[in-house]
Structures are given as C-alpha cells and as structure tokens.
Amino acid sequence: MVINDLSYDQRMQRICGTLASSGYDVTLVGRELPESVALTGKPFNQKRLKCRFKKGPFFYLEYNLRLFFLLFRLKPEIINSVDADTLFAVRMYRFFAGFIWIHDAHELFPEVPEVVNRRWVKKLWTALEKHCLPLTDSIYTVSNSVADYYREISGKEVYVIRNVPDALPDRESEEVKKVNPPVLIYQGALNEGRCIEMYIEMMHDLEAQLWLVGEGDLSAELREQVKRENVSDKVKFFGRVEPRELKKLTQQACIGLNVLEPKGLSYLSSLSNKCFDYIQAGIPSVHSAFPEYLALDKEYHIFRFAEANPRSILDETKLLLNDHDLYKSLRDNCNIASDYLVWTAEKEKLVAIYDKTG
C-alpha cells in the first residue's frame, strides 16, 4: 500500500511483479489523482483510492480511513505498509484481524525536508513509527543507512532491498542514441532540497539541454523560474513519465543529476532510484557526497560529487562535458557496474523475506 500514484512507482511495480511471479496473489493499492492516467495491465491487481482532500492532515486521515475499510473488504493474509503515511490504517486493522505485517521504508519519513523543520508534525510521524514498527513481523528498506535508523526505532532486524532496476538489453540501440546538444537529466520529484533551481540557473553557462522528468511541490515555481531566466529553449519539463518511457529518456541523456541539500537525515542516508537508473543507462552522474553514494563510488568509480551550490554543480558538469577521457572512464565503469546492480539479485532477497515471514 502506497500513498502515491501507481503508474510511476518503479519500486512498487518491481516488488509486486516479483511477488506475483513467485506465486503470491498481490494487490497494489495507491491513490487516484485528478491527472492520473489509466492503469496498464500488470501481473498483479491494482486498486486506486480517490480522496476528497488533496493534502494536509485531513488528506492523510481520509486516505488511511479508506485504506482501513478496504482492508476489511480484501481480508489480506499479508499486508505490506509503505512508509509512515500508511501505518495508521494497518495499525487500526490490527485490532480486528490477524495477518502478517511487513513494512517497506522508502525513506526516513520524519526526516524529509517537508517534515524535518516542522516540530510537531515530525513528532507525530516519529511517534507513529515508534509505536507501529515494533509490531511488524518484518521490515526492509532501501539502504544500509536507513536500515540502521529503523533497527534502532523498531528493535528488529531490518533488511535492505535496493532500488536497482531491471537490466537494459538495448543500451546501445539506435532507438536510444544520444541527443545533441548533450542532455543533462534529472528524474524524480520536483521537491524542496533537490537543487533543481540550481540546475536551471547553471544552464546560462552551458551549451546543453536540461530535461526534468517528474512533478512535485515546486513544479509551478520551477516553470516560472525558467521563463523568468529566459532559458526555455534549454530546459524541458516532461512531467510524470511511466517507467518504460523514462528508461528511454535516460538512455538518451549524457549526464545524470542527483545533488541534494543536507536537509534532514532522509537525504543524507538516501540511495535513490535515479542513481541506479543512471548507472543502468550507462551515463556518468553528479551526486552529493553522502555516505551511500560514496560507498558505491568506492566500489565502482562511477560518480562525480558536488556540493549543493550552483558553482560546484556547474564545475562538475562542465568537467564531464569537456574531459572526454574522464567521461569515457566513468561511462565504461557504469557499463561494468550495470551488470551487477540489477534487480535479479535483489528480488531473491525480497522473496526470501516474504517466504520466511509468511
């Protein structure tokens, strides 16, 4: 169960597809938004819940109440809650039914930038996690850093299932050849603390394109910035894109961007989808020098690192665009790493968690 739109959630599509192929009868539950596209056929069931409220405390309460009543109708044997914002519904249902409770933490929810500086909101989410997670039967998450945090919160073993993608067999095909001028790509939510406004600012100094693939809280503000700074010819907004199309766009790019401001432990401990998508597409990328990215680079030598300011990001981007030997070395290392950082290994760990817990 997630609180976002099912069409664009790569992690949940991979997880549910893997469990369905392993013999589980899976229903993925998410949210219906006004702009939601029609669901496509999957090897698992999909259910969207439509809410009257769109954000804020009444939205979270309404969504969890709808989840609660849905659970009564479905009567599942295993419930997989995702992040703190689905915990309340599962905890309430626990009073009325027995089931196996598995939790998937995509991030340190009380430490995301939208929450970390709101004292009482953070206290509420933290209290909910501290109450609920010890009641679960199994927990897994996206990185070792996040796992360490939730081990302390829950007093339980926390497994790591990384956000690695499926292998891309057509990386060098004509269909996905590179675009000119070279493309810098950012994929993901257009939210606070992700340096997207800095990417836009640096386009004044680059002979390149910037592709922004996703939507978020800053969508309107960033579009206004592009107009205000007169870089509309260099910056393209793709909106939300389904995973298959996203892979093609990423393969056409030259450099991936993933620099974060150190706003809360959630970002500092992150190991994102986009990081592995860039590797699988064979493109060097610029990241924050946070522990999980440093550890991955130490093993494979595939990244450049920048501080969360326009000059640092611009310098690293220019270096990749102009130093062809460095670029080729990182690209070749990405192609090597892509053979190992794929879903094949992670899915075996995932199924083992469900088989053992169930």
Protein backbone atom coordinates (compact mmCIF):
# COMPACT_ATOMS: atom_id res chain seq x y z
CA MET A 1 0.00 0.00 0.00
CA VAL A 2 1.37 3.38 -1.04
CA ILE A 3 0.03 6.91 -0.93
CA ASN A 4 1.16 7.96 -4.42
CA ASP A 5 0.07 7.23 -8.00
CA LEU A 6 0.73 3.61 -9.01
CA SER A 7 1.63 4.34 -12.64
CA TYR A 8 5.01 5.90 -11.83
CA ASP A 9 6.20 3.94 -8.81
CA GLN A 10 9.05 1.83 -10.19
CA ARG A 11 9.95 0.24 -6.86
CA MET A 12 6.44 -0.99 -6.14
CA GLN A 13 5.95 -2.25 -9.69
CA ARG A 14 9.15 -4.28 -9.42
CA ILE A 15 8.29 -5.62 -5.97
CA CYS A 16 4.70 -6.55 -6.82
CA GLY A 17 5.69 -8.09 -10.15
CA THR A 18 8.34 -10.20 -8.43
CA LEU A 19 5.98 -11.42 -5.72
CA ALA A 20 3.27 -12.22 -8.28
CA SER A 21 5.72 -14.27 -10.35
CA SER A 22 6.67 -16.14 -7.16
CA GLY A 23 3.10 -17.29 -6.60
CA TYR A 24 1.66 -14.57 -4.36
CA ASP A 25 -1.77 -13.07 -5.12
CA VAL A 26 -0.84 -9.39 -4.96
CA THR A 27 -2.98 -6.26 -4.85
CA LEU A 28 -1.16 -2.92 -5.03
CA VAL A 29 -3.17 -0.06 -3.53
CA GLY A 30 -2.45 3.60 -4.24
CA ARG A 31 -4.02 7.00 -4.73
CA GLU A 32 -6.08 8.34 -7.61
CA LEU A 33 -5.15 11.89 -8.58
CA PRO A 34 -7.04 14.23 -10.95
CA GLU A 35 -4.27 13.81 -13.52
CA SER A 36 -3.88 10.04 -13.11
CA VAL A 37 -3.62 8.11 -16.36
CA ALA A 38 -5.38 4.81 -16.97
CA LEU A 39 -3.71 1.86 -15.29
CA THR A 40 -1.97 -0.57 -17.64
CA GLY A 41 -2.12 -4.33 -17.32
CA LYS A 42 0.23 -5.85 -14.75
CA PRO A 43 0.72 -9.38 -13.41
CA PHE A 44 -0.84 -8.20 -10.14
CA ASN A 45 -4.07 -6.46 -9.11
CA GLN A 46 -4.17 -2.67 -8.81
CA LYS A 47 -6.56 -0.51 -6.80
CA ARG A 48 -6.71 3.26 -6.56
CA LEU A 49 -8.44 5.20 -3.79
CA LYS A 50 -9.94 8.59 -4.60
CA CYS A 51 -9.83 11.18 -1.83
CA ARG A 52 -11.79 14.37 -1.35
CA PHE A 53 -8.89 16.11 0.38
CA LYS A 54 -5.68 16.58 -1.62
CA LYS A 55 -3.11 17.38 1.08
CA GLY A 56 -2.61 18.17 4.74
CA PRO A 57 -3.77 16.30 7.87
CA PHE A 58 -7.31 15.73 6.60
CA PHE A 59 -5.93 14.06 3.48
CA TYR A 60 -3.77 11.64 5.47
CA LEU A 61 -6.67 10.86 7.79
CA GLU A 62 -9.10 10.32 4.90
CA TYR A 63 -6.68 8.15 2.94
CA ASN A 64 -5.93 5.93 5.92
CA LEU A 65 -9.60 5.55 6.74
CA ARG A 66 -10.26 4.47 3.15
CA LEU A 67 -7.36 2.00 3.42
CA PHE A 68 -8.78 0.70 6.69
CA PHE A 69 -12.20 -0.09 5.19
CA LEU A 70 -10.58 -1.55 2.08
CA LEU A 71 -8.62 -3.99 4.24
CA PHE A 72 -11.90 -5.23 5.72
CA ARG A 73 -13.13 -5.99 2.20
CA LEU A 74 -9.91 -7.62 0.98
CA LYS A 75 -9.11 -9.55 4.18
CA PRO A 76 -5.42 -9.99 3.25
CA GLU A 77 -3.17 -12.59 4.85
CA ILE A 78 -0.12 -10.35 4.39
CA ILE A 79 -0.13 -6.55 4.48
CA ASN A 80 2.82 -4.55 3.17
CA SER A 81 2.69 -0.99 4.51
CA VAL A 82 4.95 1.53 2.79
CA ASP A 83 6.37 4.48 4.74
CA ALA A 84 4.83 6.11 7.80
CA ASP A 85 1.85 7.55 5.93
CA THR A 86 0.18 4.14 5.57
CA LEU A 87 0.91 2.85 9.08
CA PHE A 88 -2.21 4.17 10.81
CA ALA A 89 -4.64 2.16 8.68
CA VAL A 90 -2.74 -1.08 9.23
CA ARG A 91 -2.41 -0.48 12.96
CA MET A 92 -6.17 0.10 13.28
CA TYR A 93 -6.94 -3.03 11.27
CA ARG A 94 -4.66 -4.98 13.61
CA PHE A 95 -7.28 -4.58 16.36
CA PHE A 96 -9.79 -6.55 14.29
CA ALA A 97 -7.85 -9.16 12.32
CA GLY A 98 -4.74 -11.28 12.35
CA PHE A 99 -2.28 -11.01 9.47
CA ILE A 100 1.41 -10.89 8.69
CA TRP A 101 2.66 -7.29 8.72
CA ILE A 102 5.64 -6.40 6.53
CA HIS A 103 6.84 -2.80 6.28
CA ASP A 104 8.82 -1.19 3.46
CA ALA A 105 10.54 2.11 4.39
CA HIS A 106 11.38 4.02 1.21
CA GLU A 107 12.99 6.82 3.23
CA LEU A 108 13.38 8.23 6.74
CA PHE A 109 9.91 9.72 6.67
CA PRO A 110 10.16 12.06 9.72
CA GLU A 111 13.44 13.42 8.29
CA VAL A 112 12.31 14.51 4.80
CA PRO A 113 12.70 18.27 4.14
CA GLU A 114 8.95 18.83 4.11
CA VAL A 115 8.72 17.50 7.67
CA VAL A 116 12.06 17.85 9.46
CA ASN A 117 11.67 21.53 10.42
CA ARG A 118 8.01 21.27 11.45
CA ARG A 119 8.43 20.31 15.09
CA TRP A 120 5.01 18.88 15.92
CA VAL A 121 4.49 17.23 12.55
CA LYS A 122 7.86 15.49 12.91
CA LYS A 123 6.99 14.41 16.46
CA LEU A 124 3.72 12.90 15.23
CA TRP A 125 5.27 10.83 12.44
CA THR A 126 8.15 9.76 14.69
CA ALA A 127 5.74 8.65 17.41
CA LEU A 128 3.66 6.70 14.90
CA GLU A 129 6.73 4.84 13.63
CA LYS A 130 7.99 4.12 17.14
CA HIS A 131 4.61 2.70 18.09
CA CYS A 132 3.92 0.69 14.94
CA LEU A 133 7.23 -0.69 13.71
CA PRO A 134 7.89 -2.93 16.75
CA LEU A 135 4.54 -4.58 15.98
CA THR A 136 5.55 -5.59 12.45
CA ASP A 137 6.71 -9.08 11.50
CA SER A 138 9.41 -7.92 9.11
CA ILE A 139 10.93 -4.66 7.84
CA TYR A 140 13.02 -3.84 4.80
CA THR A 141 14.31 -0.60 3.33
CA VAL A 142 16.45 0.93 0.57
CA SER A 143 19.93 1.42 2.07
CA ASN A 144 22.18 0.42 4.95
CA SER A 145 21.99 3.90 6.48
CA VAL A 146 18.19 3.84 6.60
CA ALA A 147 18.27 0.26 7.89
CA ASP A 148 20.49 1.31 10.83
CA TYR A 149 17.99 4.04 11.77
CA TYR A 150 14.97 1.72 11.72
CA ARG A 151 16.78 -1.04 13.61
CA GLU A 152 17.12 1.40 16.49
CA ILE A 153 13.48 2.54 16.20
CA SER A 154 11.97 -0.94 15.95
CA GLY A 155 14.39 -3.16 17.82
CA LYS A 156 14.16 -5.57 14.88
CA GLU A 157 16.37 -6.76 12.06
CA VAL A 158 15.88 -4.54 9.02
CA TYR A 159 16.75 -5.94 5.59
CA VAL A 160 18.00 -3.94 2.62
CA ILE A 161 16.32 -4.21 -0.78
CA ARG A 162 17.98 -1.61 -3.00
CA ASN A 163 16.20 0.37 -5.71
CA VAL A 164 18.09 -1.24 -8.56
CA PRO A 165 16.32 -1.59 -11.94
CA ASP A 166 15.93 -4.45 -14.37
CA ALA A 167 18.74 -4.82 -16.88
CA LEU A 168 18.53 -2.79 -20.11
CA PRO A 169 19.40 -5.05 -23.05
CA ASP A 170 19.09 -2.24 -25.63
CA ARG A 171 21.50 0.30 -24.11
CA GLU A 172 23.38 0.78 -27.38
CA SER A 173 20.46 0.52 -29.79
CA GLU A 174 19.70 3.13 -32.44
CA GLU A 175 16.36 3.85 -30.79
CA VAL A 176 18.08 5.39 -27.77
CA LYS A 177 21.10 7.13 -29.33
CA LYS A 178 22.34 10.30 -27.65
CA VAL A 179 20.79 13.69 -28.34
CA ASN A 180 22.66 16.82 -29.43
CA PRO A 181 23.18 19.32 -27.76
CA PRO A 182 24.04 16.99 -24.86
CA VAL A 183 21.31 16.36 -22.32
CA LEU A 184 21.54 16.70 -18.55
CA ILE A 185 18.73 14.74 -16.96
CA TYR A 186 17.08 14.91 -13.57
CA GLN A 187 14.41 12.32 -12.87
CA GLY A 188 12.22 12.32 -9.79
CA ALA A 189 10.04 14.58 -7.68
CA LEU A 190 10.41 18.34 -8.16
CA ASN A 191 10.60 18.95 -4.43
CA GLU A 192 12.45 21.08 -1.90
CA GLY A 193 16.13 20.42 -1.30
CA ARG A 194 16.88 18.70 -4.61
CA CYS A 195 18.85 21.60 -6.16
CA ILE A 196 16.63 21.75 -9.24
CA GLU A 197 16.56 25.54 -9.20
CA MET A 198 20.38 25.41 -9.28
CA TYR A 199 20.34 23.14 -12.33
CA ILE A 200 18.15 25.69 -14.10
CA GLU A 201 20.42 28.57 -13.08
CA MET A 202 23.56 26.91 -14.43
CA MET A 203 22.05 26.46 -17.89
CA HIS A 204 23.10 30.06 -18.65
CA ASP A 205 26.70 28.80 -18.75
CA LEU A 206 26.27 25.53 -20.63
CA GLU A 207 25.77 24.53 -24.24
CA ALA A 208 23.43 21.74 -23.24
CA GLN A 209 19.82 20.84 -22.54
CA LEU A 210 18.24 20.11 -19.16
CA TRP A 211 15.46 17.53 -19.04
CA LEU A 212 13.33 17.50 -15.88
CA VAL A 213 11.26 14.32 -15.65
CA GLY A 214 8.72 14.38 -12.83
CA GLU A 215 6.40 16.68 -10.91
CA GLY A 216 6.23 17.88 -7.33
CA ASP A 217 5.62 20.67 -4.87
CA LEU A 218 7.88 23.07 -6.81
CA SER A 219 6.54 22.33 -10.31
CA ALA A 220 4.86 25.70 -10.87
CA GLU A 221 7.66 27.67 -9.22
CA LEU A 222 10.35 25.99 -11.35
CA ARG A 223 8.43 26.56 -14.58
CA GLU A 224 8.15 30.22 -13.64
CA GLN A 225 11.89 30.36 -12.96
CA VAL A 226 12.64 29.00 -16.43
CA LYS A 227 10.52 31.75 -18.00
CA ARG A 228 11.96 34.44 -15.75
CA GLU A 229 15.55 33.47 -16.53
CA ASN A 230 14.83 33.11 -20.24
CA VAL A 231 16.16 29.56 -20.60
CA SER A 232 13.01 27.98 -22.03
CA ASP A 233 14.99 26.91 -25.10
CA LYS A 234 17.33 24.86 -22.87
CA VAL A 235 15.02 23.39 -20.22
CA LYS A 236 12.28 20.88 -20.95
CA PHE A 237 9.67 19.64 -18.47
CA PHE A 238 8.38 16.14 -19.25
CA GLY A 239 6.01 15.81 -16.30
CA ARG A 240 5.36 12.35 -14.91
CA VAL A 241 6.51 9.61 -17.26
CA GLU A 242 5.83 5.89 -16.99
CA PRO A 243 8.88 3.71 -16.25
CA ARG A 244 9.29 2.29 -19.76
CA GLU A 245 9.40 5.74 -21.35
CA LEU A 246 11.63 7.05 -18.55
CA LYS A 247 14.27 4.44 -19.36
CA LYS A 248 14.39 5.60 -22.98
CA LEU A 249 14.74 9.24 -21.99
CA THR A 250 17.54 8.46 -19.54
CA GLN A 251 19.48 6.50 -22.15
CA GLN A 252 19.40 9.49 -24.49
CA ALA A 253 20.99 11.73 -21.87
CA CYS A 254 24.67 12.45 -21.38
CA ILE A 255 24.84 13.20 -17.64
CA GLY A 256 22.55 12.42 -14.70
CA LEU A 257 21.97 14.87 -11.84
CA ASN A 258 21.25 13.99 -8.21
CA VAL A 259 22.63 16.66 -5.85
CA LEU A 260 20.76 17.15 -2.58
CA GLU A 261 20.86 19.77 0.11
CA PRO A 262 21.69 18.26 3.52
CA LYS A 263 18.18 18.89 4.87
CA GLY A 264 17.48 16.07 7.28
CA LEU A 265 18.72 12.52 7.70
CA SER A 266 16.43 11.26 4.94
CA TYR A 267 18.51 12.92 2.23
CA LEU A 268 21.83 12.22 3.99
CA SER A 269 21.04 8.49 4.08
CA SER A 270 19.44 8.26 0.64
CA LEU A 271 20.25 5.83 -2.18
CA SER A 272 17.75 6.72 -4.86
CA ASN A 273 16.12 5.05 -7.84
CA LYS A 274 17.66 7.61 -10.17
CA CYS A 275 21.19 6.76 -9.07
CA PHE A 276 20.82 3.18 -10.31
CA ASP A 277 18.82 4.22 -13.38
CA TYR A 278 21.71 6.44 -14.47
CA ILE A 279 24.16 3.57 -13.98
CA GLN A 280 21.98 1.15 -15.92
CA ALA A 281 21.69 3.65 -18.77
CA GLY A 282 25.48 3.91 -18.88
CA ILE A 283 25.67 7.64 -18.13
CA PRO A 284 28.01 9.29 -15.61
CA SER A 285 26.23 11.29 -12.93
CA VAL A 286 26.82 14.02 -10.36
CA HIS A 287 25.77 13.28 -6.77
CA SER A 288 26.06 14.60 -3.26
CA ALA A 289 28.99 13.25 -1.26
CA PHE A 290 26.68 11.38 1.12
CA PRO A 291 27.67 8.03 2.64
CA GLU A 292 25.72 5.63 0.41
CA TYR A 293 26.89 7.29 -2.83
CA LEU A 294 30.49 7.48 -1.61
CA ALA A 295 30.43 3.78 -0.76
CA LEU A 296 29.05 2.86 -4.18
CA ASP A 297 31.63 5.02 -5.93
CA LYS A 298 34.44 3.47 -3.89
CA GLU A 299 33.44 0.09 -5.26
CA TYR A 300 32.79 1.01 -8.90
CA HIS A 301 34.31 4.50 -9.58
CA ILE A 302 31.25 5.81 -11.43
CA PHE A 303 30.32 9.22 -9.95
CA ARG A 304 31.40 12.81 -9.61
CA PHE A 305 30.47 14.70 -6.45
CA ALA A 306 29.31 18.28 -5.97
CA GLU A 307 28.25 20.49 -3.09
CA ALA A 308 24.72 21.86 -3.07
CA ASN A 309 25.54 25.20 -4.70
CA PRO A 310 25.36 26.35 -8.35
CA ARG A 311 29.12 26.81 -8.79
CA SER A 312 30.08 23.37 -7.56
CA ILE A 313 27.41 21.63 -9.64
CA LEU A 314 28.37 23.67 -12.71
CA ASP A 315 32.08 22.88 -12.31
CA GLU A 316 31.48 19.13 -12.08
CA THR A 317 29.06 19.19 -15.01
CA LYS A 318 31.50 21.16 -17.18
CA LEU A 319 34.26 18.72 -16.26
CA LEU A 320 32.20 15.78 -17.51
CA LEU A 321 31.24 17.62 -20.69
CA ASN A 322 34.79 18.69 -21.51
CA ASP A 323 37.10 15.97 -20.18
CA HIS A 324 36.43 13.19 -22.67
CA ASP A 325 38.88 10.73 -21.09
CA LEU A 326 37.27 11.12 -17.67
CA TYR A 327 33.82 10.82 -19.17
CA LYS A 328 34.74 7.64 -21.06
CA SER A 329 36.28 6.10 -17.94
CA LEU A 330 33.16 6.75 -15.86
CA ARG A 331 30.88 5.58 -18.66
CA ASP A 332 32.83 2.33 -19.05
CA ASN A 333 32.69 1.77 -15.30
CA CYS A 334 28.92 2.37 -15.35
CA ASN A 335 28.57 -0.30 -18.01
CA ILE A 336 30.53 -2.74 -15.85
CA ALA A 337 28.57 -1.86 -12.70
CA SER A 338 25.28 -2.19 -14.55
CA ASP A 339 25.83 -5.95 -14.84
CA TYR A 340 25.82 -6.25 -11.04
CA LEU A 341 23.47 -3.50 -9.87
CA VAL A 342 20.30 -5.09 -11.25
CA TRP A 343 17.06 -6.42 -9.80
CA THR A 344 17.99 -10.09 -10.30
CA ALA A 345 19.94 -10.29 -7.04
CA GLU A 346 17.60 -8.08 -5.01
CA LYS A 347 14.46 -9.98 -5.94
CA GLU A 348 15.83 -13.20 -4.49
CA LYS A 349 16.31 -11.43 -1.15
CA LEU A 350 12.82 -9.94 -1.39
CA VAL A 351 11.09 -13.28 -1.98
CA ALA A 352 13.12 -14.84 0.83
CA ILE A 353 11.76 -12.21 3.26
CA TYR A 354 8.17 -12.98 2.30
CA ASP A 355 8.65 -16.74 2.27
CA LYS A 356 10.34 -16.68 5.67
CA THR A 357 7.88 -14.27 7.27
CA GLY A 358 4.83 -15.90 5.72
